[in-house]
Protein backbone atom coordinates (compact mmCIF):
# COMPACT_ATOMS: atom_id res chain seq x y z
CA MET A 1 -89.28 -51.85 58.78
CA ALA A 2 -90.37 -49.15 56.27
CA THR A 3 -91.51 -46.88 59.08
CA LYS A 4 -88.10 -47.14 60.78
CA THR A 5 -86.32 -46.37 57.53
CA ILE A 6 -88.50 -43.33 56.83
CA ALA A 7 -88.05 -42.13 60.42
CA CYS A 8 -84.25 -42.50 60.20
CA ILE A 9 -84.17 -40.63 56.89
CA ALA A 10 -86.33 -37.85 58.33
CA VAL A 11 -84.09 -37.53 61.39
CA PHE A 12 -81.01 -37.50 59.20
CA VAL A 13 -82.45 -34.79 56.94
CA LEU A 14 -83.52 -32.63 59.92
CA LEU A 15 -80.07 -32.93 61.55
CA GLN A 16 -78.28 -31.80 58.42
CA GLY A 17 -79.06 -28.16 59.35
CA CYS A 18 -77.66 -28.49 62.86
CA SER A 19 -74.08 -27.45 63.44
CA THR A 20 -72.09 -26.29 66.45
CA ALA A 21 -70.19 -23.64 64.43
CA PRO A 22 -71.93 -22.02 61.52
CA ARG A 23 -69.75 -21.42 58.47
CA PHE A 24 -70.55 -17.70 58.28
CA GLU A 25 -69.38 -16.97 61.83
CA LYS A 26 -65.67 -16.81 60.92
CA ASN A 27 -66.00 -13.92 58.42
CA PHE A 28 -69.26 -12.42 59.63
CA GLY A 29 -69.28 -8.66 58.87
CA GLY A 30 -66.01 -8.78 56.94
CA SER A 31 -67.48 -7.21 53.80
CA VAL A 32 -68.99 -4.34 55.81
CA ARG A 33 -65.68 -3.65 57.53
CA ALA A 34 -63.84 -3.77 54.20
CA ASN A 35 -66.31 -1.34 52.60
CA LEU A 36 -65.99 1.11 55.53
CA ALA A 37 -62.23 0.96 55.37
CA ALA A 38 -62.27 1.60 51.61
CA GLN A 39 -64.47 4.70 52.15
CA THR A 40 -62.27 6.20 54.85
CA VAL A 41 -59.76 8.64 53.40
CA ASP A 42 -58.21 9.73 56.66
CA PRO A 43 -59.18 7.82 59.79
CA ARG A 44 -57.74 10.55 62.02
CA GLY A 45 -59.56 13.34 60.13
CA ALA A 46 -62.05 14.00 62.87
CA ALA A 47 -59.27 14.94 65.25
CA ASN A 48 -57.84 17.55 62.84
CA ALA A 49 -58.51 21.03 64.29
CA ASN A 50 -57.36 22.89 61.17
CA PRO A 51 -60.23 24.10 58.94
CA ALA A 52 -60.65 22.70 55.48
CA SER A 53 -58.85 24.65 52.74
CA GLY A 54 -59.93 25.27 49.20
CA ILE A 55 -62.91 27.59 49.28
CA ASP A 56 -63.69 30.70 51.35
CA GLY A 57 -66.86 31.26 53.29
CA PRO A 58 -68.72 33.70 50.97
CA ALA A 59 -68.04 31.52 47.91
CA ALA A 60 -69.21 28.41 49.71
CA GLN A 61 -72.35 30.21 50.92
CA ALA A 62 -73.15 31.42 47.36
CA ALA A 63 -72.60 27.93 45.95
CA HIS A 64 -74.90 26.47 48.58
CA ALA A 65 -77.56 29.11 47.83
CA ARG A 66 -77.39 28.31 44.09
CA TYR A 67 -77.69 24.63 44.85
CA GLN A 68 -80.77 25.18 47.00
CA GLN A 69 -82.41 27.46 44.42
CA SER A 70 -81.94 24.82 41.71
CA PHE A 71 -84.69 22.80 43.40
CA THR A 72 -87.21 25.71 43.51
CA ARG A 73 -86.97 26.81 39.86
CA PRO A 74 -89.55 25.24 37.50
CA GLU A 75 -88.17 23.02 34.82
CA SER A 76 -88.16 24.49 31.35
CA ALA A 77 -90.77 23.07 29.02
CA ALA A 78 -89.68 21.04 25.99
CA THR A 79 -89.77 22.76 22.65
CA SER A 80 -93.07 22.51 20.82
CA PRO A 81 -91.75 21.19 17.49
CA LEU A 82 -90.40 18.16 19.28
CA LEU A 83 -93.77 17.48 20.91
CA ASN A 84 -95.62 18.00 17.63
CA THR A 85 -93.30 15.62 15.80
CA LEU A 86 -93.62 12.91 18.39
CA GLY A 87 -97.36 13.35 18.78
CA SER A 88 -98.28 13.30 15.09
CA GLY A 89 -96.90 9.79 14.46
CA GLN A 90 -94.60 10.85 11.62
């Protein structure tokens, strides 16, 4: 009798995970679609043949060059009094 009871409980517990329609299936991917829609300013923007306005070519090229050069310059060292104050334990 105890073996049948344990077997029935085990079968019942194992069948709890089985379902014909998972709960997540209804809204699966909804958050991703909502985030993509929130990030889209103009869905038809790719079809726009007009160039972007706001900055001319030479200015954009100079800004891009400054941006790229900012990664090649060495960082400035911290001032020595600050290091001496922190290192002396005062």
